[in-house]
Amino acid sequence: MAPQRRGAPKAAEGSGPERRRPSSVKSVRAPREAWRKWLRAAVLGTCATLAALLLWGSLGDDDDITEVLAHRGEVLAGRFIEVPCSEDYDSHRRFEGCSPTKCGRGITDAVITRDEARRIRSIAEKGLSLGGSEGGASILDLHSGALSVGKHFVNLYRYFGDKIETIFSEEDFQLYRDVRQKVQRAIAQAFGISVSSLYLTKPTFFSRINSTGARTAHDEYWHAHVDKVTYGSFDYTSLLYLSDYLDDFGGGRFVFMEDGANKTVEPRAGRVSFFTSGSENLHRVEKVHWGTRYAITIAFSCNPDHGITDPAFT
């Protein structure tokens, strides 16, 4: 019997799709590539968003500031804002003609010159060169002798002894007294009280703040607080700034905290900011993001029992 003719083997028919596979794979890969590109873009977009949020978190915690009371570029002869007094003073002994009945906050660039600010800053730099905190905030108190060293404080007069006489001079301490007296007179005039009714009180100190992370609670300077609550002796608080915002440091502005209407003071060397110390002037300092911020806090009490003397060069 003659062999029968058979059709092409099925295997051969099945080989057709194998030859068409490249075009089929290409059609499948196209949406996959589009998906990968979309996913890559989404991931990059998410990373960019997260980076922006992190940056906002580090800088944007101060975006609630709605008014600048004193810009760094202004030279103010005097600016005063009266606010209602809190009840904080009622729980302390009151002194007629001194204890706050008129409360508020003031800023002036006309009390201390920029040259005086430069010279008094050099006192802070000399003293703090003997130590300094491991964290971002260092303190020098010429009255008590307290100096930040590492994670602790030492009494620089006892710790360094006679070496102090090679660090500071009588001229340094005289300048310090002169500046304190000028600030005291400015506060008395603004609040309508007698200069002699105000007593310098503790703590009165230099501060040096940079962007180094906090190592102890003493380095966490940025928390909101009320001076009269923190330091019962305070009735009037002042700050003399010894460096310039955005020239010497970033961040570090002083913020008066109010419901929905925070106010800020931009530091300027020689600028004096002063205010009554009660809850009517709840405040904080922004974190310093770069550079170094120098200032001196000078506090006054109406209670002579809380008074301290000026430091003396011996």
C-alpha atoms as a PDB file:
ATOM      1  CA  MET A   1       0.000   0.000   0.000  1.00  0.00           C
ATOM      2  CA  ALA A   2       1.236   3.278  -0.967  1.00  0.00           C
ATOM      3  CA  PRO A   3       1.990   5.458   1.969  1.00  0.00           C
ATOM      4  CA  GLN A   4      -0.700   8.021   2.748  1.00  0.00           C
ATOM      5  CA  ARG A   5       0.071  11.710   2.503  1.00  0.00           C
ATOM      6  CA  ARG A   6      -0.299  13.351   5.811  1.00  0.00           C
ATOM      7  CA  GLY A   7      -0.627  16.998   6.666  1.00  0.00           C
ATOM      8  CA  ALA A   8       2.221  18.934   8.133  1.00  0.00           C
ATOM      9  CA  PRO A   9       3.112  17.725  11.601  1.00  0.00           C
ATOM     10  CA  LYS A  10       1.251  19.552  14.360  1.00  0.00           C
ATOM     11  CA  ALA A  11       4.542  20.329  15.903  1.00  0.00           C
ATOM     12  CA  ALA A  12       5.335  22.407  12.863  1.00  0.00           C
ATOM     13  CA  GLU A  13       2.039  24.232  13.262  1.00  0.00           C
ATOM     14  CA  GLY A  14       2.853  24.804  16.865  1.00  0.00           C
ATOM     15  CA  SER A  15       6.190  26.322  15.938  1.00  0.00           C
ATOM     16  CA  GLY A  16       4.424  29.318  14.402  1.00  0.00           C
ATOM     17  CA  PRO A  17       3.795  31.077  17.702  1.00  0.00           C
ATOM     18  CA  GLU A  18       7.434  30.467  18.653  1.00  0.00           C
ATOM     19  CA  ARG A  19       8.473  32.533  15.656  1.00  0.00           C
ATOM     20  CA  ARG A  20       5.982  35.305  16.662  1.00  0.00           C
ATOM     21  CA  ARG A  21       7.158  35.355  20.308  1.00  0.00           C
ATOM     22  CA  PRO A  22       9.475  38.381  20.029  1.00  0.00           C
ATOM     23  CA  SER A  23       6.616  40.681  18.987  1.00  0.00           C
ATOM     24  CA  SER A  24       4.360  39.186  21.664  1.00  0.00           C
ATOM     25  CA  VAL A  25       6.988  39.689  24.391  1.00  0.00           C
ATOM     26  CA  LYS A  26       7.573  43.221  23.187  1.00  0.00           C
ATOM     27  CA  SER A  27       3.862  43.985  23.505  1.00  0.00           C
ATOM     28  CA  VAL A  28       3.885  42.617  27.091  1.00  0.00           C
ATOM     29  CA  ARG A  29       7.069  44.445  28.042  1.00  0.00           C
ATOM     30  CA  ALA A  30       5.729  47.825  26.933  1.00  0.00           C
ATOM     31  CA  PRO A  31       3.131  48.166  29.715  1.00  0.00           C
ATOM     32  CA  ARG A  32       5.620  46.691  32.189  1.00  0.00           C
ATOM     33  CA  GLU A  33       8.203  49.344  31.288  1.00  0.00           C
ATOM     34  CA  ALA A  34       5.559  52.039  31.577  1.00  0.00           C
ATOM     35  CA  TRP A  35       4.603  50.674  34.997  1.00  0.00           C
ATOM     36  CA  ARG A  36       8.241  50.653  36.123  1.00  0.00           C
ATOM     37  CA  LYS A  37       8.720  54.244  34.970  1.00  0.00           C
ATOM     38  CA  TRP A  38       5.571  55.335  36.777  1.00  0.00           C
ATOM     39  CA  LEU A  39       6.661  53.491  39.925  1.00  0.00           C
ATOM     40  CA  ARG A  40      10.133  55.049  39.763  1.00  0.00           C
ATOM     41  CA  ALA A  41       8.600  58.524  39.371  1.00  0.00           C
ATOM     42  CA  ALA A  42       6.223  57.868  42.239  1.00  0.00           C
ATOM     43  CA  VAL A  43       9.063  56.760  44.510  1.00  0.00           C
ATOM     44  CA  LEU A  44      11.174  59.790  43.587  1.00  0.00           C
ATOM     45  CA  GLY A  45       8.208  62.058  44.144  1.00  0.00           C
ATOM     46  CA  THR A  46       7.555  60.500  47.535  1.00  0.00           C
ATOM     47  CA  CYS A  47      11.207  60.923  48.514  1.00  0.00           C
ATOM     48  CA  ALA A  48      11.130  64.553  47.446  1.00  0.00           C
ATOM     49  CA  THR A  49       7.956  65.091  49.453  1.00  0.00           C
ATOM     50  CA  LEU A  50       9.482  63.453  52.513  1.00  0.00           C
ATOM     51  CA  ALA A  51      12.619  65.563  52.147  1.00  0.00           C
ATOM     52  CA  ALA A  52      10.497  68.695  51.938  1.00  0.00           C
ATOM     53  CA  LEU A  53       8.535  67.635  55.012  1.00  0.00           C
ATOM     54  CA  LEU A  54      11.761  66.992  56.916  1.00  0.00           C
ATOM     55  CA  LEU A  55      13.080  70.405  55.920  1.00  0.00           C
ATOM     56  CA  TRP A  56       9.782  72.002  56.920  1.00  0.00           C
ATOM     57  CA  GLY A  57       9.947  70.138  60.198  1.00  0.00           C
ATOM     58  CA  SER A  58      13.392  71.523  60.958  1.00  0.00           C
ATOM     59  CA  LEU A  59      12.662  75.061  59.847  1.00  0.00           C
ATOM     60  CA  GLY A  60       8.906  75.297  59.700  1.00  0.00           C
ATOM     61  CA  ASP A  61       8.198  74.935  63.392  1.00  0.00           C
ATOM     62  CA  ASP A  62       8.340  78.727  63.341  1.00  0.00           C
ATOM     63  CA  ASP A  63       5.889  79.303  60.500  1.00  0.00           C
ATOM     64  CA  ASP A  64       3.262  80.363  63.033  1.00  0.00           C
ATOM     65  CA  ILE A  65       5.032  83.697  63.403  1.00  0.00           C
ATOM     66  CA  THR A  66       2.647  86.280  62.044  1.00  0.00           C
ATOM     67  CA  GLU A  67       4.352  89.542  62.971  1.00  0.00           C
ATOM     68  CA  VAL A  68       7.929  90.721  63.309  1.00  0.00           C
ATOM     69  CA  LEU A  69       8.196  93.284  66.089  1.00  0.00           C
ATOM     70  CA  ALA A  70      11.755  94.224  65.166  1.00  0.00           C
ATOM     71  CA  HIS A  71      13.499  93.369  61.897  1.00  0.00           C
ATOM     72  CA  ARG A  72      17.256  92.913  61.903  1.00  0.00           C
ATOM     73  CA  GLY A  73      17.685  95.774  59.433  1.00  0.00           C
ATOM     74  CA  GLU A  74      15.732  98.291  61.517  1.00  0.00           C
ATOM     75  CA  VAL A  75      17.363 100.707  63.932  1.00  0.00           C
ATOM     76  CA  LEU A  76      14.739 101.397  66.566  1.00  0.00           C
ATOM     77  CA  ALA A  77      14.840 104.396  68.862  1.00  0.00           C
ATOM     78  CA  GLY A  78      12.220 102.557  70.883  1.00  0.00           C
ATOM     79  CA  ARG A  79       9.126 100.452  70.397  1.00  0.00           C
ATOM     80  CA  PHE A  80       6.778  99.455  73.214  1.00  0.00           C
ATOM     81  CA  ILE A  81       3.701  97.235  73.166  1.00  0.00           C
ATOM     82  CA  GLU A  82       1.513  97.194  76.261  1.00  0.00           C
ATOM     83  CA  VAL A  83      -0.294  93.940  77.116  1.00  0.00           C
ATOM     84  CA  PRO A  84      -2.636  93.024  80.012  1.00  0.00           C
ATOM     85  CA  CYS A  85      -0.808  91.782  83.115  1.00  0.00           C
ATOM     86  CA  SER A  86      -1.215  88.155  84.150  1.00  0.00           C
ATOM     87  CA  GLU A  87      -2.060  87.040  87.681  1.00  0.00           C
ATOM     88  CA  ASP A  88       1.408  85.577  88.234  1.00  0.00           C
ATOM     89  CA  TYR A  89       2.491  88.515  90.361  1.00  0.00           C
ATOM     90  CA  ASP A  90      -0.392  88.026  92.830  1.00  0.00           C
ATOM     91  CA  SER A  91       1.257  84.930  94.300  1.00  0.00           C
ATOM     92  CA  HIS A  92       4.393  86.911  95.152  1.00  0.00           C
ATOM     93  CA  ARG A  93       5.032  89.755  97.539  1.00  0.00           C
ATOM     94  CA  ARG A  94       4.193  93.028  95.854  1.00  0.00           C
ATOM     95  CA  PHE A  95       6.276  96.193  96.062  1.00  0.00           C
ATOM     96  CA  GLU A  96       4.480  99.473  95.609  1.00  0.00           C
ATOM     97  CA  GLY A  97       5.814 101.489  92.718  1.00  0.00           C
ATOM     98  CA  CYS A  98       7.731  98.552  91.230  1.00  0.00           C
ATOM     99  CA  SER A  99       5.726  95.321  90.949  1.00  0.00           C
ATOM    100  CA  PRO A 100       4.193  95.278  87.472  1.00  0.00           C
ATOM    101  CA  THR A 101       0.852  97.002  87.044  1.00  0.00           C
ATOM    102  CA  LYS A 102       1.729  98.111  83.524  1.00  0.00           C
ATOM    103  CA  CYS A 103       2.869  95.099  81.521  1.00  0.00           C
ATOM    104  CA  GLY A 104       4.310  94.838  78.079  1.00  0.00           C
ATOM    105  CA  ARG A 105       7.370  94.370  75.916  1.00  0.00           C
ATOM    106  CA  GLY A 106       9.831  96.797  74.403  1.00  0.00           C
ATOM    107  CA  ILE A 107      12.686  96.852  71.902  1.00  0.00           C
ATOM    108  CA  THR A 108      15.361  99.508  71.452  1.00  0.00           C
ATOM    109  CA  ASP A 109      18.583  99.928  69.493  1.00  0.00           C
ATOM    110  CA  ALA A 110      19.353 103.284  71.113  1.00  0.00           C
ATOM    111  CA  VAL A 111      20.595 102.169  74.554  1.00  0.00           C
ATOM    112  CA  ILE A 112      23.682 100.082  73.753  1.00  0.00           C
ATOM    113  CA  THR A 113      25.947 100.886  70.792  1.00  0.00           C
ATOM    114  CA  ARG A 114      27.155  98.226  68.419  1.00  0.00           C
ATOM    115  CA  ASP A 115      30.704  98.924  69.578  1.00  0.00           C
ATOM    116  CA  GLU A 116      29.684  98.310  73.181  1.00  0.00           C
ATOM    117  CA  ALA A 117      27.980  95.098  72.059  1.00  0.00           C
ATOM    118  CA  ARG A 118      31.164  94.002  70.281  1.00  0.00           C
ATOM    119  CA  ARG A 119      33.268  94.705  73.355  1.00  0.00           C
ATOM    120  CA  ILE A 120      30.962  92.967  75.784  1.00  0.00           C
ATOM    121  CA  ARG A 121      30.717  90.000  73.437  1.00  0.00           C
ATOM    122  CA  SER A 122      34.495  89.679  73.719  1.00  0.00           C
ATOM    123  CA  ILE A 123      34.017  89.197  77.479  1.00  0.00           C
ATOM    124  CA  ALA A 124      31.676  86.304  76.769  1.00  0.00           C
ATOM    125  CA  GLU A 125      34.081  84.815  74.231  1.00  0.00           C
ATOM    126  CA  LYS A 126      37.001  85.004  76.642  1.00  0.00           C
ATOM    127  CA  GLY A 127      35.068  83.389  79.475  1.00  0.00           C
ATOM    128  CA  LEU A 128      33.501  80.679  77.366  1.00  0.00           C
ATOM    129  CA  SER A 129      36.900  79.830  75.877  1.00  0.00           C
ATOM    130  CA  LEU A 130      37.629  78.240  79.264  1.00  0.00           C
ATOM    131  CA  GLY A 131      34.882  75.677  78.782  1.00  0.00           C
ATOM    132  CA  GLY A 132      31.686  75.273  76.819  1.00  0.00           C
ATOM    133  CA  SER A 133      28.875  72.768  76.701  1.00  0.00           C
ATOM    134  CA  GLU A 134      29.037  69.560  74.673  1.00  0.00           C
ATOM    135  CA  GLY A 135      25.547  70.482  73.510  1.00  0.00           C
ATOM    136  CA  GLY A 136      24.383  73.564  71.664  1.00  0.00           C
ATOM    137  CA  ALA A 137      23.936  75.959  74.598  1.00  0.00           C
ATOM    138  CA  SER A 138      26.741  77.294  76.813  1.00  0.00           C
ATOM    139  CA  ILE A 139      26.340  79.564  79.829  1.00  0.00           C
ATOM    140  CA  LEU A 140      28.686  82.035  81.534  1.00  0.00           C
ATOM    141  CA  ASP A 141      27.479  83.716  84.734  1.00  0.00           C
ATOM    142  CA  LEU A 142      30.002  86.262  85.995  1.00  0.00           C
ATOM    143  CA  HIS A 143      28.016  86.740  89.217  1.00  0.00           C
ATOM    144  CA  SER A 144      27.893  83.174  90.517  1.00  0.00           C
ATOM    145  CA  GLY A 145      30.867  81.984  88.453  1.00  0.00           C
ATOM    146  CA  ALA A 146      28.803  79.291  86.715  1.00  0.00           C
ATOM    147  CA  LEU A 147      30.400  78.111  83.463  1.00  0.00           C
ATOM    148  CA  SER A 148      29.297  75.286  81.169  1.00  0.00           C
ATOM    149  CA  VAL A 149      32.007  72.639  80.841  1.00  0.00           C
ATOM    150  CA  GLY A 150      31.052  69.496  78.952  1.00  0.00           C
ATOM    151  CA  LYS A 151      27.818  68.199  80.436  1.00  0.00           C
ATOM    152  CA  HIS A 152      28.266  70.026  83.737  1.00  0.00           C
ATOM    153  CA  PHE A 153      28.866  73.425  85.309  1.00  0.00           C
ATOM    154  CA  VAL A 154      31.896  74.581  87.264  1.00  0.00           C
ATOM    155  CA  ASN A 155      32.599  77.710  89.287  1.00  0.00           C
ATOM    156  CA  LEU A 156      35.177  79.418  87.113  1.00  0.00           C
ATOM    157  CA  TYR A 157      36.524  81.513  89.999  1.00  0.00           C
ATOM    158  CA  ARG A 158      37.315  78.437  92.069  1.00  0.00           C
ATOM    159  CA  TYR A 159      38.140  76.112  89.176  1.00  0.00           C
ATOM    160  CA  PHE A 160      40.599  78.429  87.414  1.00  0.00           C
ATOM    161  CA  GLY A 161      41.748  80.507  90.392  1.00  0.00           C
ATOM    162  CA  ASP A 162      44.330  83.172  89.627  1.00  0.00           C
ATOM    163  CA  LYS A 163      44.170  82.391  85.908  1.00  0.00           C
ATOM    164  CA  ILE A 164      40.994  84.484  85.790  1.00  0.00           C
ATOM    165  CA  GLU A 165      43.102  87.621  86.184  1.00  0.00           C
ATOM    166  CA  THR A 166      44.795  86.803  82.885  1.00  0.00           C
ATOM    167  CA  ILE A 167      41.447  86.294  81.136  1.00  0.00           C
ATOM    168  CA  PHE A 168      39.422  89.305  82.283  1.00  0.00           C
ATOM    169  CA  SER A 169      40.368  92.875  83.129  1.00  0.00           C
ATOM    170  CA  GLU A 170      38.943  95.608  85.345  1.00  0.00           C
ATOM    171  CA  GLU A 171      37.852  97.362  82.147  1.00  0.00           C
ATOM    172  CA  ASP A 172      35.770  94.290  81.234  1.00  0.00           C
ATOM    173  CA  PHE A 173      33.897  94.378  84.535  1.00  0.00           C
ATOM    174  CA  GLN A 174      33.422  98.153  84.362  1.00  0.00           C
ATOM    175  CA  LEU A 175      31.902  97.820  80.893  1.00  0.00           C
ATOM    176  CA  TYR A 176      29.638  95.064  82.182  1.00  0.00           C
ATOM    177  CA  ARG A 177      28.402  97.340  85.005  1.00  0.00           C
ATOM    178  CA  ASP A 178      27.887 100.282  82.654  1.00  0.00           C
ATOM    179  CA  VAL A 179      25.819  98.202  80.243  1.00  0.00           C
ATOM    180  CA  ARG A 180      23.715  96.763  83.075  1.00  0.00           C
ATOM    181  CA  GLN A 181      22.966 100.251  84.388  1.00  0.00           C
ATOM    182  CA  LYS A 182      21.925 101.520  80.944  1.00  0.00           C
ATOM    183  CA  VAL A 183      19.532  98.600  80.496  1.00  0.00           C
ATOM    184  CA  GLN A 184      18.134  99.127  83.996  1.00  0.00           C
ATOM    185  CA  ARG A 185      17.408 102.800  83.260  1.00  0.00           C
ATOM    186  CA  ALA A 186      15.688 101.911  79.969  1.00  0.00           C
ATOM    187  CA  ILE A 187      13.391  99.433  81.717  1.00  0.00           C
ATOM    188  CA  ALA A 188      12.545 101.881  84.516  1.00  0.00           C
ATOM    189  CA  GLN A 189      11.688 104.605  82.005  1.00  0.00           C
ATOM    190  CA  ALA A 190       9.526 102.336  79.831  1.00  0.00           C
ATOM    191  CA  PHE A 191       7.450 101.081  82.772  1.00  0.00           C
ATOM    192  CA  GLY A 192       7.337 104.333  84.697  1.00  0.00           C
ATOM    193  CA  ILE A 193       9.125 103.122  87.823  1.00  0.00           C
ATOM    194  CA  SER A 194      12.125 104.308  89.798  1.00  0.00           C
ATOM    195  CA  VAL A 195      15.531 102.999  88.778  1.00  0.00           C
ATOM    196  CA  SER A 196      16.382 102.505  92.444  1.00  0.00           C
ATOM    197  CA  SER A 197      13.386 100.200  92.939  1.00  0.00           C
ATOM    198  CA  LEU A 198      14.887  97.613  90.580  1.00  0.00           C
ATOM    199  CA  TYR A 199      17.403  95.078  91.842  1.00  0.00           C
ATOM    200  CA  LEU A 200      19.628  93.034  89.605  1.00  0.00           C
ATOM    201  CA  THR A 201      18.723  89.390  90.222  1.00  0.00           C
ATOM    202  CA  LYS A 202      19.888  85.905  89.340  1.00  0.00           C
ATOM    203  CA  PRO A 203      20.407  84.289  86.990  1.00  0.00           C
ATOM    204  CA  THR A 204      21.949  87.026  84.870  1.00  0.00           C
ATOM    205  CA  PHE A 205      24.220  85.383  82.316  1.00  0.00           C
ATOM    206  CA  PHE A 206      25.824  85.214  78.880  1.00  0.00           C
ATOM    207  CA  SER A 207      24.581  82.569  76.458  1.00  0.00           C
ATOM    208  CA  ARG A 208      26.280  81.115  73.405  1.00  0.00           C
ATOM    209  CA  ILE A 209      24.066  78.957  71.198  1.00  0.00           C
ATOM    210  CA  ASN A 210      24.967  76.974  68.076  1.00  0.00           C
ATOM    211  CA  SER A 211      23.409  74.152  66.064  1.00  0.00           C
ATOM    212  CA  THR A 212      25.076  71.295  67.982  1.00  0.00           C
ATOM    213  CA  GLY A 213      22.528  68.770  69.217  1.00  0.00           C
ATOM    214  CA  ALA A 214      21.501  68.831  72.871  1.00  0.00           C
ATOM    215  CA  ARG A 215      23.397  66.542  75.242  1.00  0.00           C
ATOM    216  CA  THR A 216      21.559  67.402  78.462  1.00  0.00           C
ATOM    217  CA  ALA A 217      18.342  69.164  79.446  1.00  0.00           C
ATOM    218  CA  HIS A 218      20.366  72.348  79.947  1.00  0.00           C
ATOM    219  CA  ASP A 219      20.989  72.433  76.181  1.00  0.00           C
ATOM    220  CA  GLU A 220      17.267  72.440  75.345  1.00  0.00           C
ATOM    221  CA  TYR A 221      16.852  76.189  75.263  1.00  0.00           C
ATOM    222  CA  TRP A 222      13.988  76.231  72.736  1.00  0.00           C
ATOM    223  CA  HIS A 223      11.085  75.252  75.024  1.00  0.00           C
ATOM    224  CA  ALA A 224       8.361  77.810  75.708  1.00  0.00           C
ATOM    225  CA  HIS A 225       8.425  79.159  79.249  1.00  0.00           C
ATOM    226  CA  VAL A 226       7.416  81.971  81.602  1.00  0.00           C
ATOM    227  CA  ASP A 227      10.288  83.644  83.459  1.00  0.00           C
ATOM    228  CA  LYS A 228       8.243  84.451  86.573  1.00  0.00           C
ATOM    229  CA  VAL A 229       7.308  80.774  86.845  1.00  0.00           C
ATOM    230  CA  THR A 230      10.792  79.465  86.051  1.00  0.00           C
ATOM    231  CA  TYR A 231      12.593  82.052  88.199  1.00  0.00           C
ATOM    232  CA  GLY A 232      10.333  83.420  90.911  1.00  0.00           C
ATOM    233  CA  SER A 233      12.607  86.401  91.530  1.00  0.00           C
ATOM    234  CA  PHE A 234      12.155  87.831  88.009  1.00  0.00           C
ATOM    235  CA  ASP A 235       9.824  90.814  87.575  1.00  0.00           C
ATOM    236  CA  TYR A 236      11.459  92.362  84.507  1.00  0.00           C
ATOM    237  CA  THR A 237      13.550  90.466  81.960  1.00  0.00           C
ATOM    238  CA  SER A 238      15.893  91.904  79.357  1.00  0.00           C
ATOM    239  CA  LEU A 239      18.101  90.486  76.642  1.00  0.00           C
ATOM    240  CA  LEU A 240      20.993  92.276  75.029  1.00  0.00           C
ATOM    241  CA  TYR A 241      21.866  90.692  71.697  1.00  0.00           C
ATOM    242  CA  LEU A 242      25.541  90.465  70.814  1.00  0.00           C
ATOM    243  CA  SER A 243      25.357  89.050  67.267  1.00  0.00           C
ATOM    244  CA  ASP A 244      23.297  89.563  64.119  1.00  0.00           C
ATOM    245  CA  TYR A 245      20.496  87.361  62.838  1.00  0.00           C
ATOM    246  CA  LEU A 246      21.283  85.968  59.338  1.00  0.00           C
ATOM    247  CA  ASP A 247      24.811  87.390  59.389  1.00  0.00           C
ATOM    248  CA  ASP A 248      26.205  85.441  62.342  1.00  0.00           C
ATOM    249  CA  PHE A 249      23.555  82.739  62.682  1.00  0.00           C
ATOM    250  CA  GLY A 250      20.295  81.376  61.297  1.00  0.00           C
ATOM    251  CA  GLY A 251      17.239  80.562  63.390  1.00  0.00           C
ATOM    252  CA  GLY A 252      17.535  81.727  66.981  1.00  0.00           C
ATOM    253  CA  ARG A 253      14.884  84.438  66.838  1.00  0.00           C
ATOM    254  CA  PHE A 254      13.039  85.373  70.026  1.00  0.00           C
ATOM    255  CA  VAL A 255       9.318  84.575  69.887  1.00  0.00           C
ATOM    256  CA  PHE A 256       6.536  85.971  72.060  1.00  0.00           C
ATOM    257  CA  MET A 257       3.815  83.332  71.949  1.00  0.00           C
ATOM    258  CA  GLU A 258       0.198  84.403  71.579  1.00  0.00           C
ATOM    259  CA  ASP A 259      -2.881  82.544  70.361  1.00  0.00           C
ATOM    260  CA  GLY A 260      -2.685  82.674  66.596  1.00  0.00           C
ATOM    261  CA  ALA A 261      -0.521  85.770  66.569  1.00  0.00           C
ATOM    262  CA  ASN A 262       3.036  85.010  67.629  1.00  0.00           C
ATOM    263  CA  LYS A 263       5.463  87.913  67.525  1.00  0.00           C
ATOM    264  CA  THR A 264       9.201  87.721  66.902  1.00  0.00           C
ATOM    265  CA  VAL A 265      12.281  89.825  67.572  1.00  0.00           C
ATOM    266  CA  GLU A 266      15.180  89.410  65.163  1.00  0.00           C
ATOM    267  CA  PRO A 267      18.468  89.767  67.075  1.00  0.00           C
ATOM    268  CA  ARG A 268      20.812  92.585  66.153  1.00  0.00           C
ATOM    269  CA  ALA A 269      24.058  93.360  67.980  1.00  0.00           C
ATOM    270  CA  GLY A 270      23.302  96.101  70.503  1.00  0.00           C
ATOM    271  CA  ARG A 271      19.537  95.517  70.437  1.00  0.00           C
ATOM    272  CA  VAL A 272      17.831  95.351  73.837  1.00  0.00           C
ATOM    273  CA  SER A 273      14.557  93.465  74.193  1.00  0.00           C
ATOM    274  CA  PHE A 274      12.809  93.768  77.561  1.00  0.00           C
ATOM    275  CA  PHE A 275       9.487  92.720  79.045  1.00  0.00           C
ATOM    276  CA  THR A 276       7.555  91.992  82.205  1.00  0.00           C
ATOM    277  CA  SER A 277       8.330  88.459  83.327  1.00  0.00           C
ATOM    278  CA  GLY A 278       4.829  86.990  83.808  1.00  0.00           C
ATOM    279  CA  SER A 279       2.628  84.758  81.656  1.00  0.00           C
ATOM    280  CA  GLU A 280       1.601  87.735  79.547  1.00  0.00           C
ATOM    281  CA  ASN A 281       4.992  87.264  77.908  1.00  0.00           C
ATOM    282  CA  LEU A 282       5.194  83.516  77.339  1.00  0.00           C
ATOM    283  CA  HIS A 283       8.131  83.061  75.004  1.00  0.00           C
ATOM    284  CA  ARG A 284      10.691  80.781  73.412  1.00  0.00           C
ATOM    285  CA  VAL A 285      13.797  80.920  71.249  1.00  0.00           C
ATOM    286  CA  GLU A 286      13.932  79.243  67.862  1.00  0.00           C
ATOM    287  CA  LYS A 287      16.518  76.523  67.391  1.00  0.00           C
ATOM    288  CA  VAL A 288      19.726  77.862  65.907  1.00  0.00           C
ATOM    289  CA  HIS A 289      20.269  76.189  62.510  1.00  0.00           C
ATOM    290  CA  TRP A 290      23.770  77.475  61.731  1.00  0.00           C
ATOM    291  CA  GLY A 291      26.370  79.846  63.120  1.00  0.00           C
ATOM    292  CA  THR A 292      26.627  81.107  66.703  1.00  0.00           C
ATOM    293  CA  ARG A 293      24.232  83.332  68.621  1.00  0.00           C
ATOM    294  CA  TYR A 294      25.508  85.419  71.553  1.00  0.00           C
ATOM    295  CA  ALA A 295      23.318  87.267  74.044  1.00  0.00           C
ATOM    296  CA  ILE A 296      23.192  88.278  77.676  1.00  0.00           C
ATOM    297  CA  THR A 297      20.102  87.916  79.859  1.00  0.00           C
ATOM    298  CA  ILE A 298      19.840  90.679  82.471  1.00  0.00           C
ATOM    299  CA  ALA A 299      17.038  90.224  85.000  1.00  0.00           C
ATOM    300  CA  PHE A 300      15.584  92.525  87.658  1.00  0.00           C
ATOM    301  CA  SER A 301      13.477  91.992  90.748  1.00  0.00           C
ATOM    302  CA  CYS A 302      11.412  94.389  92.831  1.00  0.00           C
ATOM    303  CA  ASN A 303      12.321  92.426  95.960  1.00  0.00           C
ATOM    304  CA  PRO A 304      15.587  93.613  97.522  1.00  0.00           C
ATOM    305  CA  ASP A 305      15.993  90.185  99.131  1.00  0.00           C
ATOM    306  CA  HIS A 306      16.538  88.772  95.639  1.00  0.00           C
ATOM    307  CA  GLY A 307      19.137  91.343  94.649  1.00  0.00           C
ATOM    308  CA  ILE A 308      22.670  90.437  93.613  1.00  0.00           C
ATOM    309  CA  THR A 309      25.761  92.595  93.242  1.00  0.00           C
ATOM    310  CA  ASP A 310      27.715  93.307  90.090  1.00  0.00           C
ATOM    311  CA  PRO A 311      30.753  91.080  89.519  1.00  0.00           C
ATOM    312  CA  ALA A 312      34.007  92.628  90.639  1.00  0.00           C
ATOM    313  CA  PHE A 313      37.546  92.127  89.378  1.00  0.00           C
ATOM    314  CA  THR A 314      39.725  91.089  92.340  1.00  0.00           C
END
